[in-house]
C-alpha atoms as a PDB file:
ATOM      1  CA  UNK A   1     -23.929 -57.018   1.291  1.00  0.00           C
ATOM      2  CA  UNK A   2     -24.666 -60.620   0.222  1.00  0.00           C
ATOM      3  CA  UNK A   3     -27.457 -62.647   1.780  1.00  0.00           C
ATOM      4  CA  UNK A   4     -24.910 -65.147   3.103  1.00  0.00           C
ATOM      5  CA  UNK A   5     -22.932 -62.400   4.844  1.00  0.00           C
ATOM      6  CA  UNK A   6     -26.138 -61.002   6.378  1.00  0.00           C
ATOM      7  CA  UNK A   7     -26.975 -64.459   7.757  1.00  0.00           C
ATOM      8  CA  UNK A   8     -23.496 -64.823   9.259  1.00  0.00           C
ATOM      9  CA  UNK A   9     -23.689 -61.399  10.917  1.00  0.00           C
ATOM     10  CA  UNK A  10     -27.173 -62.175  12.190  1.00  0.00           C
ATOM     11  CA  UNK A  11     -26.019 -65.493  13.667  1.00  0.00           C
ATOM     12  CA  UNK A  12     -23.093 -63.953  15.542  1.00  0.00           C
ATOM     13  CA  UNK A  13     -25.302 -61.084  16.775  1.00  0.00           C
ATOM     14  CA  UNK A  14     -27.702 -63.675  18.156  1.00  0.00           C
ATOM     15  CA  UNK A  15     -24.881 -65.596  19.872  1.00  0.00           C
ATOM     16  CA  UNK A  16     -23.543 -62.404  21.466  1.00  0.00           C
ATOM     17  CA  UNK A  17     -27.031 -61.445  22.666  1.00  0.00           C
ATOM     18  CA  UNK A  18     -27.566 -64.846  24.261  1.00  0.00           C
ATOM     19  CA  UNK A  19     -24.143 -64.619  25.941  1.00  0.00           C
ATOM     20  CA  UNK A  20     -25.010 -61.223  27.389  1.00  0.00           C
ATOM     21  CA  UNK A  21     -28.291 -62.561  28.747  1.00  0.00           C
ATOM     22  CA  UNK A  22     -26.580 -65.523  30.400  1.00  0.00           C
ATOM     23  CA  UNK A  23     -23.875 -63.341  31.936  1.00  0.00           C
ATOM     24  CA  UNK A  24     -26.241 -60.718  33.354  1.00  0.00           C
ATOM     25  CA  UNK A  25     -24.786 -59.177  36.481  1.00  0.00           C
ATOM     26  CA  UNK A  26     -26.536 -59.146  39.821  1.00  0.00           C
ATOM     27  CA  UNK A  27     -28.296 -55.828  40.424  1.00  0.00           C
ATOM     28  CA  UNK A  28     -27.013 -54.393  43.698  1.00  0.00           C
ATOM     29  CA  UNK A  29     -25.873 -51.057  45.131  1.00  0.00           C
ATOM     30  CA  UNK A  30     -22.195 -50.274  45.305  1.00  0.00           C
ATOM     31  CA  UNK A  31     -20.772 -49.465  48.723  1.00  0.00           C
ATOM     32  CA  UNK A  32     -17.670 -47.301  48.570  1.00  0.00           C
ATOM     33  CA  UNK A  33     -16.352 -44.294  50.491  1.00  0.00           C
ATOM     34  CA  UNK A  34     -16.890 -42.082  47.435  1.00  0.00           C
ATOM     35  CA  UNK A  35     -20.513 -43.013  46.673  1.00  0.00           C
ATOM     36  CA  UNK A  36     -22.353 -40.185  44.914  1.00  0.00           C
ATOM     37  CA  UNK A  37     -25.245 -38.266  46.481  1.00  0.00           C
ATOM     38  CA  UNK A  38     -28.709 -38.859  45.002  1.00  0.00           C
ATOM     39  CA  UNK A  39     -28.508 -35.464  43.265  1.00  0.00           C
ATOM     40  CA  UNK A  40     -25.906 -36.973  40.932  1.00  0.00           C
ATOM     41  CA  UNK A  41     -28.716 -39.053  39.409  1.00  0.00           C
ATOM     42  CA  UNK A  42     -31.909 -37.111  40.093  1.00  0.00           C
ATOM     43  CA  UNK A  43     -33.025 -33.743  41.471  1.00  0.00           C
ATOM     44  CA  UNK A  44     -36.573 -32.950  42.562  1.00  0.00           C
ATOM     45  CA  UNK A  45     -38.221 -30.862  39.767  1.00  0.00           C
ATOM     46  CA  UNK A  46     -39.888 -28.103  41.783  1.00  0.00           C
ATOM     47  CA  UNK A  47     -40.746 -26.121  38.618  1.00  0.00           C
ATOM     48  CA  UNK A  48     -41.750 -29.105  36.498  1.00  0.00           C
ATOM     49  CA  UNK A  49     -44.918 -27.582  35.000  1.00  0.00           C
ATOM     50  CA  UNK A  50     -43.016 -24.569  33.629  1.00  0.00           C
ATOM     51  CA  UNK A  51     -40.009 -26.367  32.123  1.00  0.00           C
ATOM     52  CA  UNK A  52     -39.293 -25.844  28.431  1.00  0.00           C
ATOM     53  CA  UNK A  53     -39.552 -29.192  26.669  1.00  0.00           C
ATOM     54  CA  UNK A  54     -38.938 -27.820  23.196  1.00  0.00           C
ATOM     55  CA  UNK A  55     -35.488 -26.317  23.814  1.00  0.00           C
ATOM     56  CA  UNK A  56     -34.739 -28.588  26.758  1.00  0.00           C
ATOM     57  CA  UNK A  57     -32.760 -27.900  29.940  1.00  0.00           C
ATOM     58  CA  UNK A  58     -29.884 -26.253  28.055  1.00  0.00           C
ATOM     59  CA  UNK A  59     -32.137 -23.745  26.314  1.00  0.00           C
ATOM     60  CA  UNK A  60     -32.241 -22.254  22.846  1.00  0.00           C
ATOM     61  CA  UNK A  61     -28.810 -20.651  23.304  1.00  0.00           C
ATOM     62  CA  UNK A  62     -27.166 -24.078  23.123  1.00  0.00           C
ATOM     63  CA  UNK A  63     -29.174 -25.309  20.120  1.00  0.00           C
ATOM     64  CA  UNK A  64     -27.744 -25.895  16.618  1.00  0.00           C
ATOM     65  CA  UNK A  65     -28.484 -23.243  14.004  1.00  0.00           C
ATOM     66  CA  UNK A  66     -30.340 -24.781  11.024  1.00  0.00           C
ATOM     67  CA  UNK A  67     -29.276 -21.897   8.755  1.00  0.00           C
ATOM     68  CA  UNK A  68     -25.478 -22.037   9.054  1.00  0.00           C
ATOM     69  CA  UNK A  69     -22.894 -24.184   7.302  1.00  0.00           C
ATOM     70  CA  UNK A  70     -21.252 -26.946   9.341  1.00  0.00           C
ATOM     71  CA  UNK A  71     -17.683 -28.087   8.713  1.00  0.00           C
ATOM     72  CA  UNK A  72     -16.945 -31.808   8.600  1.00  0.00           C
ATOM     73  CA  UNK A  73     -14.389 -32.972  11.185  1.00  0.00           C
ATOM     74  CA  UNK A  74     -14.518 -36.776  11.212  1.00  0.00           C
ATOM     75  CA  UNK A  75     -17.006 -39.665  11.188  1.00  0.00           C
ATOM     76  CA  UNK A  76     -18.805 -40.515  14.411  1.00  0.00           C
ATOM     77  CA  UNK A  77     -17.498 -43.731  15.940  1.00  0.00           C
ATOM     78  CA  UNK A  78     -19.710 -46.444  17.419  1.00  0.00           C
ATOM     79  CA  UNK A  79     -23.428 -47.067  17.324  1.00  0.00           C
ATOM     80  CA  UNK A  80     -25.727 -48.600  14.723  1.00  0.00           C
ATOM     81  CA  UNK A  81     -26.773 -45.381  13.010  1.00  0.00           C
ATOM     82  CA  UNK A  82     -24.211 -43.473  10.909  1.00  0.00           C
ATOM     83  CA  UNK A  83     -23.116 -39.995  11.813  1.00  0.00           C
ATOM     84  CA  UNK A  84     -20.519 -37.272  11.683  1.00  0.00           C
ATOM     85  CA  UNK A  85     -18.759 -34.834  13.967  1.00  0.00           C
ATOM     86  CA  UNK A  86     -18.935 -31.252  12.717  1.00  0.00           C
ATOM     87  CA  UNK A  87     -18.080 -27.723  13.834  1.00  0.00           C
ATOM     88  CA  UNK A  88     -20.468 -24.827  13.446  1.00  0.00           C
ATOM     89  CA  UNK A  89     -19.670 -21.207  12.597  1.00  0.00           C
ATOM     90  CA  UNK A  90     -19.059 -20.447  16.302  1.00  0.00           C
ATOM     91  CA  UNK A  91     -16.501 -23.254  16.605  1.00  0.00           C
ATOM     92  CA  UNK A  92     -18.798 -25.496  18.630  1.00  0.00           C
ATOM     93  CA  UNK A  93     -18.397 -29.246  18.131  1.00  0.00           C
ATOM     94  CA  UNK A  94     -21.513 -31.297  17.384  1.00  0.00           C
ATOM     95  CA  UNK A  95     -21.917 -35.085  17.342  1.00  0.00           C
ATOM     96  CA  UNK A  96     -24.612 -35.797  14.762  1.00  0.00           C
ATOM     97  CA  UNK A  97     -26.424 -39.144  14.734  1.00  0.00           C
ATOM     98  CA  UNK A  98     -28.044 -39.540  11.303  1.00  0.00           C
ATOM     99  CA  UNK A  99     -30.703 -41.996  10.084  1.00  0.00           C
ATOM    100  CA  UNK A 100     -29.766 -45.177   8.225  1.00  0.00           C
ATOM    101  CA  UNK A 101     -29.698 -44.955   4.438  1.00  0.00           C
ATOM    102  CA  UNK A 102     -33.164 -46.524   4.223  1.00  0.00           C
ATOM    103  CA  UNK A 103     -34.478 -43.988   6.796  1.00  0.00           C
ATOM    104  CA  UNK A 104     -35.965 -46.816   8.871  1.00  0.00           C
ATOM    105  CA  UNK A 105     -35.199 -46.971  12.553  1.00  0.00           C
ATOM    106  CA  UNK A 106     -33.907 -43.426  12.932  1.00  0.00           C
ATOM    107  CA  UNK A 107     -32.815 -42.884  16.527  1.00  0.00           C
ATOM    108  CA  UNK A 108     -32.560 -39.082  16.576  1.00  0.00           C
ATOM    109  CA  UNK A 109     -36.232 -38.116  16.981  1.00  0.00           C
ATOM    110  CA  UNK A 110     -36.841 -40.771  19.644  1.00  0.00           C
ATOM    111  CA  UNK A 111     -33.716 -39.855  21.584  1.00  0.00           C
ATOM    112  CA  UNK A 112     -34.563 -36.162  21.728  1.00  0.00           C
ATOM    113  CA  UNK A 113     -38.141 -36.797  22.914  1.00  0.00           C
ATOM    114  CA  UNK A 114     -37.120 -39.157  25.706  1.00  0.00           C
ATOM    115  CA  UNK A 115     -34.238 -36.899  26.709  1.00  0.00           C
ATOM    116  CA  UNK A 116     -36.654 -33.973  27.043  1.00  0.00           C
ATOM    117  CA  UNK A 117     -39.026 -35.943  29.260  1.00  0.00           C
ATOM    118  CA  UNK A 118     -36.284 -37.342  31.500  1.00  0.00           C
ATOM    119  CA  UNK A 119     -34.731 -33.926  32.024  1.00  0.00           C
ATOM    120  CA  UNK A 120     -38.138 -32.394  32.805  1.00  0.00           C
ATOM    121  CA  UNK A 121     -38.783 -34.848  35.644  1.00  0.00           C
ATOM    122  CA  UNK A 122     -35.355 -34.410  37.199  1.00  0.00           C
ATOM    123  CA  UNK A 123     -32.836 -36.693  35.459  1.00  0.00           C
ATOM    124  CA  UNK A 124     -29.678 -35.081  34.076  1.00  0.00           C
ATOM    125  CA  UNK A 125     -29.248 -34.923  30.305  1.00  0.00           C
ATOM    126  CA  UNK A 126     -26.620 -33.512  27.918  1.00  0.00           C
ATOM    127  CA  UNK A 127     -27.556 -30.830  25.355  1.00  0.00           C
ATOM    128  CA  UNK A 128     -29.321 -32.717  22.531  1.00  0.00           C
ATOM    129  CA  UNK A 129     -31.434 -31.331  19.697  1.00  0.00           C
ATOM    130  CA  UNK A 130     -32.936 -32.461  16.392  1.00  0.00           C
ATOM    131  CA  UNK A 131     -32.542 -30.964  12.919  1.00  0.00           C
ATOM    132  CA  UNK A 132     -34.287 -32.548   9.906  1.00  0.00           C
ATOM    133  CA  UNK A 133     -31.377 -31.558   7.634  1.00  0.00           C
ATOM    134  CA  UNK A 134     -28.291 -29.356   7.599  1.00  0.00           C
ATOM    135  CA  UNK A 135     -25.616 -28.009   5.256  1.00  0.00           C
ATOM    136  CA  UNK A 136     -22.159 -29.540   5.651  1.00  0.00           C
ATOM    137  CA  UNK A 137     -18.892 -28.572   3.970  1.00  0.00           C
ATOM    138  CA  UNK A 138     -16.294 -31.271   3.356  1.00  0.00           C
ATOM    139  CA  UNK A 139     -13.664 -31.959   0.677  1.00  0.00           C
ATOM    140  CA  UNK A 140     -16.372 -32.023  -2.001  1.00  0.00           C
ATOM    141  CA  UNK A 141     -17.735 -28.624  -0.982  1.00  0.00           C
ATOM    142  CA  UNK A 142     -21.005 -27.651   0.730  1.00  0.00           C
ATOM    143  CA  UNK A 143     -23.971 -29.989   0.350  1.00  0.00           C
ATOM    144  CA  UNK A 144     -27.219 -30.897   2.066  1.00  0.00           C
ATOM    145  CA  UNK A 145     -27.096 -33.730   4.590  1.00  0.00           C
ATOM    146  CA  UNK A 146     -29.889 -35.655   6.317  1.00  0.00           C
ATOM    147  CA  UNK A 147     -30.184 -34.342   9.837  1.00  0.00           C
ATOM    148  CA  UNK A 148     -30.760 -36.179  13.079  1.00  0.00           C
ATOM    149  CA  UNK A 149     -29.760 -35.856  16.695  1.00  0.00           C
ATOM    150  CA  UNK A 150     -27.247 -33.063  17.377  1.00  0.00           C
ATOM    151  CA  UNK A 151     -25.378 -33.443  20.680  1.00  0.00           C
ATOM    152  CA  UNK A 152     -23.216 -30.515  21.723  1.00  0.00           C
ATOM    153  CA  UNK A 153     -19.732 -31.166  23.088  1.00  0.00           C
ATOM    154  CA  UNK A 154     -19.892 -28.671  25.946  1.00  0.00           C
ATOM    155  CA  UNK A 155     -16.756 -27.663  27.829  1.00  0.00           C
ATOM    156  CA  UNK A 156     -18.543 -27.748  31.192  1.00  0.00           C
ATOM    157  CA  UNK A 157     -19.033 -31.518  30.903  1.00  0.00           C
ATOM    158  CA  UNK A 158     -16.156 -33.997  30.985  1.00  0.00           C
ATOM    159  CA  UNK A 159     -17.007 -37.647  30.369  1.00  0.00           C
ATOM    160  CA  UNK A 160     -15.293 -40.033  32.806  1.00  0.00           C
ATOM    161  CA  UNK A 161     -16.561 -43.284  31.273  1.00  0.00           C
ATOM    162  CA  UNK A 162     -19.524 -45.624  31.600  1.00  0.00           C
ATOM    163  CA  UNK A 163     -21.536 -46.427  34.687  1.00  0.00           C
ATOM    164  CA  UNK A 164     -23.297 -49.713  35.383  1.00  0.00           C
ATOM    165  CA  UNK A 165     -27.045 -50.273  35.540  1.00  0.00           C
ATOM    166  CA  UNK A 166     -26.439 -53.316  37.688  1.00  0.00           C
ATOM    167  CA  UNK A 167     -24.001 -51.879  40.222  1.00  0.00           C
ATOM    168  CA  UNK A 168     -24.179 -48.222  41.189  1.00  0.00           C
ATOM    169  CA  UNK A 169     -24.850 -46.170  44.342  1.00  0.00           C
ATOM    170  CA  UNK A 170     -28.578 -45.749  43.589  1.00  0.00           C
ATOM    171  CA  UNK A 171     -29.821 -49.333  43.184  1.00  0.00           C
ATOM    172  CA  UNK A 172     -32.923 -49.753  45.342  1.00  0.00           C
ATOM    173  CA  UNK A 173     -33.555 -46.004  45.680  1.00  0.00           C
ATOM    174  CA  UNK A 174     -36.917 -44.705  44.479  1.00  0.00           C
ATOM    175  CA  UNK A 175     -35.506 -42.442  41.706  1.00  0.00           C
ATOM    176  CA  UNK A 176     -33.446 -45.347  40.307  1.00  0.00           C
ATOM    177  CA  UNK A 177     -36.478 -47.631  40.357  1.00  0.00           C
ATOM    178  CA  UNK A 178     -38.617 -44.820  38.915  1.00  0.00           C
ATOM    179  CA  UNK A 179     -36.123 -44.264  36.093  1.00  0.00           C
ATOM    180  CA  UNK A 180     -36.438 -47.919  35.112  1.00  0.00           C
ATOM    181  CA  UNK A 181     -40.241 -47.590  35.230  1.00  0.00           C
ATOM    182  CA  UNK A 182     -40.152 -44.568  32.892  1.00  0.00           C
ATOM    183  CA  UNK A 183     -37.877 -46.368  30.440  1.00  0.00           C
ATOM    184  CA  UNK A 184     -40.254 -49.359  30.498  1.00  0.00           C
ATOM    185  CA  UNK A 185     -43.146 -46.976  29.836  1.00  0.00           C
ATOM    186  CA  UNK A 186     -41.356 -45.701  26.702  1.00  0.00           C
ATOM    187  CA  UNK A 187     -40.400 -49.249  25.611  1.00  0.00           C
ATOM    188  CA  UNK A 188     -36.693 -48.464  25.873  1.00  0.00           C
ATOM    189  CA  UNK A 189     -34.857 -51.611  24.775  1.00  0.00           C
ATOM    190  CA  UNK A 190     -31.224 -50.499  24.802  1.00  0.00           C
ATOM    191  CA  UNK A 191     -30.457 -50.740  28.513  1.00  0.00           C
ATOM    192  CA  UNK A 192     -26.749 -51.375  28.183  1.00  0.00           C
ATOM    193  CA  UNK A 193     -23.990 -49.845  30.262  1.00  0.00           C
ATOM    194  CA  UNK A 194     -22.154 -48.390  27.270  1.00  0.00           C
ATOM    195  CA  UNK A 195     -25.109 -46.002  26.848  1.00  0.00           C
ATOM    196  CA  UNK A 196     -24.584 -44.629  30.366  1.00  0.00           C
ATOM    197  CA  UNK A 197     -22.040 -41.858  30.879  1.00  0.00           C
ATOM    198  CA  UNK A 198     -20.585 -40.511  34.129  1.00  0.00           C
ATOM    199  CA  UNK A 199     -19.734 -36.809  33.788  1.00  0.00           C
ATOM    200  CA  UNK A 200     -17.820 -34.287  35.835  1.00  0.00           C
ATOM    201  CA  UNK A 201     -19.887 -31.118  35.438  1.00  0.00           C
ATOM    202  CA  UNK A 202     -18.701 -27.632  36.334  1.00  0.00           C
ATOM    203  CA  UNK A 203     -21.389 -25.359  37.778  1.00  0.00           C
ATOM    204  CA  UNK A 204     -20.727 -22.037  39.513  1.00  0.00           C
ATOM    205  CA  UNK A 205     -17.094 -22.789  40.256  1.00  0.00           C
ATOM    206  CA  UNK A 206     -17.851 -26.227  41.704  1.00  0.00           C
ATOM    207  CA  UNK A 207     -17.560 -29.650  40.076  1.00  0.00           C
ATOM    208  CA  UNK A 208     -20.300 -32.235  40.532  1.00  0.00           C
ATOM    209  CA  UNK A 209     -20.985 -35.672  39.114  1.00  0.00           C
ATOM    210  CA  UNK A 210     -23.846 -36.564  36.796  1.00  0.00           C
ATOM    211  CA  UNK A 211     -24.961 -40.139  36.157  1.00  0.00           C
ATOM    212  CA  UNK A 212     -26.551 -39.789  32.710  1.00  0.00           C
ATOM    213  CA  UNK A 213     -28.520 -42.234  30.553  1.00  0.00           C
ATOM    214  CA  UNK A 214     -27.552 -41.338  26.983  1.00  0.00           C
ATOM    215  CA  UNK A 215     -28.289 -42.752  23.517  1.00  0.00           C
ATOM    216  CA  UNK A 216     -31.985 -43.209  24.207  1.00  0.00           C
ATOM    217  CA  UNK A 217     -33.016 -43.776  20.598  1.00  0.00           C
ATOM    218  CA  UNK A 218     -34.188 -47.399  20.865  1.00  0.00           C
ATOM    219  CA  UNK A 219     -37.639 -46.693  22.261  1.00  0.00           C
ATOM    220  CA  UNK A 220     -41.225 -45.731  21.333  1.00  0.00           C
ATOM    221  CA  UNK A 221     -41.692 -48.915  19.334  1.00  0.00           C
ATOM    222  CA  UNK A 222     -41.379 -52.586  20.190  1.00  0.00           C
ATOM    223  CA  UNK A 223     -39.042 -54.157  22.715  1.00  0.00           C
ATOM    224  CA  UNK A 224     -36.713 -56.952  21.724  1.00  0.00           C
ATOM    225  CA  UNK A 225     -33.212 -58.352  21.980  1.00  0.00           C
ATOM    226  CA  UNK A 226     -32.177 -58.033  18.339  1.00  0.00           C
ATOM    227  CA  UNK A 227     -32.758 -54.768  16.472  1.00  0.00           C
ATOM    228  CA  UNK A 228     -36.253 -53.888  17.749  1.00  0.00           C
ATOM    229  CA  UNK A 229     -38.146 -51.336  15.669  1.00  0.00           C
ATOM    230  CA  UNK A 230     -38.112 -47.886  17.248  1.00  0.00           C
ATOM    231  CA  UNK A 231     -40.267 -44.823  16.749  1.00  0.00           C
ATOM    232  CA  UNK A 232     -43.186 -46.915  15.450  1.00  0.00           C
ATOM    233  CA  UNK A 233     -46.459 -45.748  16.964  1.00  0.00           C
ATOM    234  CA  UNK A 234     -48.433 -48.786  15.784  1.00  0.00           C
ATOM    235  CA  UNK A 235     -46.043 -51.221  17.461  1.00  0.00           C
ATOM    236  CA  UNK A 236     -45.852 -48.976  20.506  1.00  0.00           C
ATOM    237  CA  UNK A 237     -49.636 -48.919  20.874  1.00  0.00           C
ATOM    238  CA  UNK A 238     -49.915 -52.700  20.505  1.00  0.00           C
ATOM    239  CA  UNK A 239     -47.516 -53.430  23.372  1.00  0.00           C
ATOM    240  CA  UNK A 240     -49.053 -53.685  26.833  1.00  0.00           C
ATOM    241  CA  UNK A 241     -46.579 -51.882  29.156  1.00  0.00           C
ATOM    242  CA  UNK A 242     -47.660 -53.798  32.308  1.00  0.00           C
ATOM    243  CA  UNK A 243     -49.032 -57.328  32.351  1.00  0.00           C
ATOM    244  CA  UNK A 244     -49.517 -57.788  36.076  1.00  0.00           C
ATOM    245  CA  UNK A 245     -47.886 -58.000  39.511  1.00  0.00           C
ATOM    246  CA  UNK A 246     -46.075 -61.077  40.849  1.00  0.00           C
ATOM    247  CA  UNK A 247     -44.537 -61.456  44.320  1.00  0.00           C
ATOM    248  CA  UNK A 248     -44.956 -57.727  44.873  1.00  0.00           C
ATOM    249  CA  UNK A 249     -43.125 -56.677  41.681  1.00  0.00           C
ATOM    250  CA  UNK A 250     -44.504 -55.278  38.436  1.00  0.00           C
ATOM    251  CA  UNK A 251     -44.362 -57.533  35.382  1.00  0.00           C
ATOM    252  CA  UNK A 252     -43.594 -55.454  32.293  1.00  0.00           C
ATOM    253  CA  UNK A 253     -44.314 -56.396  28.692  1.00  0.00           C
ATOM    254  CA  UNK A 254     -40.592 -56.091  28.063  1.00  0.00           C
ATOM    255  CA  UNK A 255     -38.598 -58.381  25.770  1.00  0.00           C
ATOM    256  CA  UNK A 256     -35.255 -56.571  25.574  1.00  0.00           C
ATOM    257  CA  UNK A 257     -31.825 -57.381  26.943  1.00  0.00           C
ATOM    258  CA  UNK A 258     -31.007 -57.316  30.648  1.00  0.00           C
ATOM    259  CA  UNK A 259     -34.242 -58.755  31.947  1.00  0.00           C
ATOM    260  CA  UNK A 260     -32.746 -58.503  35.435  1.00  0.00           C
ATOM    261  CA  UNK A 261     -33.451 -54.766  35.320  1.00  0.00           C
ATOM    262  CA  UNK A 262     -37.151 -55.239  34.597  1.00  0.00           C
ATOM    263  CA  UNK A 263     -37.942 -58.462  36.480  1.00  0.00           C
ATOM    264  CA  UNK A 264     -38.502 -58.731  40.249  1.00  0.00           C
ATOM    265  CA  UNK A 265     -37.179 -55.227  40.778  1.00  0.00           C
ATOM    266  CA  UNK A 266     -39.747 -52.440  40.239  1.00  0.00           C
ATOM    267  CA  UNK A 267     -42.690 -52.280  42.652  1.00  0.00           C
ATOM    268  CA  UNK A 268     -46.178 -50.877  42.015  1.00  0.00           C
ATOM    269  CA  UNK A 269     -45.272 -47.918  44.228  1.00  0.00           C
ATOM    270  CA  UNK A 270     -42.174 -47.252  42.083  1.00  0.00           C
ATOM    271  CA  UNK A 271     -44.361 -47.114  38.964  1.00  0.00           C
ATOM    272  CA  UNK A 272     -46.886 -44.881  40.726  1.00  0.00           C
ATOM    273  CA  UNK A 273     -44.091 -42.540  41.849  1.00  0.00           C
ATOM    274  CA  UNK A 274     -42.807 -42.197  38.289  1.00  0.00           C
ATOM    275  CA  UNK A 275     -46.331 -41.805  36.912  1.00  0.00           C
ATOM    276  CA  UNK A 276     -47.064 -39.050  39.428  1.00  0.00           C
ATOM    277  CA  UNK A 277     -44.089 -37.117  38.061  1.00  0.00           C
ATOM    278  CA  UNK A 278     -45.077 -37.612  34.428  1.00  0.00           C
ATOM    279  CA  UNK A 279     -48.720 -36.725  35.123  1.00  0.00           C
ATOM    280  CA  UNK A 280     -47.597 -33.227  36.077  1.00  0.00           C
ATOM    281  CA  UNK A 281     -46.470 -32.500  32.508  1.00  0.00           C
ATOM    282  CA  UNK A 282     -48.937 -30.313  30.639  1.00  0.00           C
ATOM    283  CA  UNK A 283     -50.334 -31.003  27.182  1.00  0.00           C
ATOM    284  CA  UNK A 284     -48.183 -28.163  25.852  1.00  0.00           C
ATOM    285  CA  UNK A 285     -45.064 -29.761  27.319  1.00  0.00           C
ATOM    286  CA  UNK A 286     -45.854 -33.154  25.777  1.00  0.00           C
ATOM    287  CA  UNK A 287     -46.462 -31.492  22.420  1.00  0.00           C
ATOM    288  CA  UNK A 288     -43.210 -29.542  22.709  1.00  0.00           C
ATOM    289  CA  UNK A 289     -41.202 -32.676  23.545  1.00  0.00           C
ATOM    290  CA  UNK A 290     -42.392 -34.407  20.385  1.00  0.00           C
ATOM    291  CA  UNK A 291     -42.040 -31.226  18.306  1.00  0.00           C
ATOM    292  CA  UNK A 292     -38.432 -31.088  19.488  1.00  0.00           C
ATOM    293  CA  UNK A 293     -37.996 -34.533  17.906  1.00  0.00           C
ATOM    294  CA  UNK A 294     -39.509 -33.413  14.607  1.00  0.00           C
ATOM    295  CA  UNK A 295     -42.779 -35.369  14.853  1.00  0.00           C
ATOM    296  CA  UNK A 296     -45.839 -34.152  12.947  1.00  0.00           C
ATOM    297  CA  UNK A 297     -49.174 -33.412  14.631  1.00  0.00           C
ATOM    298  CA  UNK A 298     -50.714 -36.824  13.926  1.00  0.00           C
ATOM    299  CA  UNK A 299     -47.794 -38.797  15.326  1.00  0.00           C
ATOM    300  CA  UNK A 300     -47.532 -36.452  18.310  1.00  0.00           C
ATOM    301  CA  UNK A 301     -51.184 -37.030  19.191  1.00  0.00           C
ATOM    302  CA  UNK A 302     -50.958 -40.811  18.857  1.00  0.00           C
ATOM    303  CA  UNK A 303     -47.758 -41.208  20.877  1.00  0.00           C
ATOM    304  CA  UNK A 304     -49.006 -38.876  23.595  1.00  0.00           C
ATOM    305  CA  UNK A 305     -52.314 -40.750  23.759  1.00  0.00           C
ATOM    306  CA  UNK A 306     -50.524 -44.046  24.403  1.00  0.00           C
ATOM    307  CA  UNK A 307     -48.262 -42.475  27.009  1.00  0.00           C
ATOM    308  CA  UNK A 308     -51.161 -40.830  28.835  1.00  0.00           C
ATOM    309  CA  UNK A 309     -52.922 -44.201  29.019  1.00  0.00           C
ATOM    310  CA  UNK A 310     -49.759 -45.756  30.462  1.00  0.00           C
ATOM    311  CA  UNK A 311     -49.410 -42.978  33.014  1.00  0.00           C
ATOM    312  CA  UNK A 312     -53.031 -43.539  34.074  1.00  0.00           C
ATOM    313  CA  UNK A 313     -52.306 -47.247  34.418  1.00  0.00           C
ATOM    314  CA  UNK A 314     -49.273 -46.433  36.540  1.00  0.00           C
ATOM    315  CA  UNK A 315     -51.236 -44.123  38.822  1.00  0.00           C
ATOM    316  CA  UNK A 316     -53.723 -46.926  39.468  1.00  0.00           C
ATOM    317  CA  UNK A 317     -50.901 -48.949  40.986  1.00  0.00           C
ATOM    318  CA  UNK A 318     -50.432 -46.607  43.934  1.00  0.00           C
ATOM    319  CA  UNK A 319     -50.908 -48.092  47.380  1.00  0.00           C
ATOM    320  CA  UNK A 320     -53.641 -46.885  49.699  1.00  0.00           C
ATOM    321  CA  UNK A 321     -51.120 -44.465  51.218  1.00  0.00           C
ATOM    322  CA  UNK A 322     -51.101 -40.964  49.821  1.00  0.00           C
ATOM    323  CA  UNK A 323     -48.614 -40.855  46.944  1.00  0.00           C
ATOM    324  CA  UNK A 324     -46.348 -37.847  46.494  1.00  0.00           C
ATOM    325  CA  UNK A 325     -42.958 -37.224  44.989  1.00  0.00           C
ATOM    326  CA  UNK A 326     -40.357 -37.417  47.738  1.00  0.00           C
END
């Protein structure tokens, strides 16, 4: 790609980003006869301290096998990172998000870690896993491919489309506010509605709705409007998380799109509520979440250290009233 073409693409990306910022929707709850119950977004994690953060809520039985050959189906559509859709030896369909050719800004490890943590504290997540590499067969025969995030297409989940951060049944509820606080804690910069999926989920003969935040890979680095660096522990550690409280709302060190989700919305008690949940995770669970994303021991320790400091900061924001998870 020529330098001139890169400049043109960069200019139009900037214009689009500015347009999105100017057209930000008002954040308000929807009021309709078919509004979803809170359990569609969040369920109280009564067994939080015993949850498996390596295999995740779907367990090892739904994980991809690193030792089998995968058959190429078609390229993955959408997103910044490349990827493919493949079938495994059992006929299961996997959507694989791979790293860019320069291996910078890989989303897969970050997405799996954040997905594990969100599911542990009660937010619904699809079956996602990480493999560092895999064998794929296509028209040229079998060959080794760079791995990444593997998301299973499971028959019990039917995607109905996107749901809106700005207008949904949960705006103003503590778990919605707490979800935003957790995403701010992880420096999640990609808070766009196209990353949110509404599912019909079949469980025990019944069908329920899940409001799911997907494609969580733009996090654990810096925040920004245009291609922020993700999965960078140095940048992550240098950011401040919270800079203060104004008019009763937390001021986050957040520079991403949709400032309306982070400004004049989340209270100190919301942050304390979310921090109380995260503080219940054990050291083993934190280690397992980052192992699930393929991080080595040094990076695991550094990321977890930053997150523990942020959780402690969040707990300090609790009001004088006793703080529990309701």
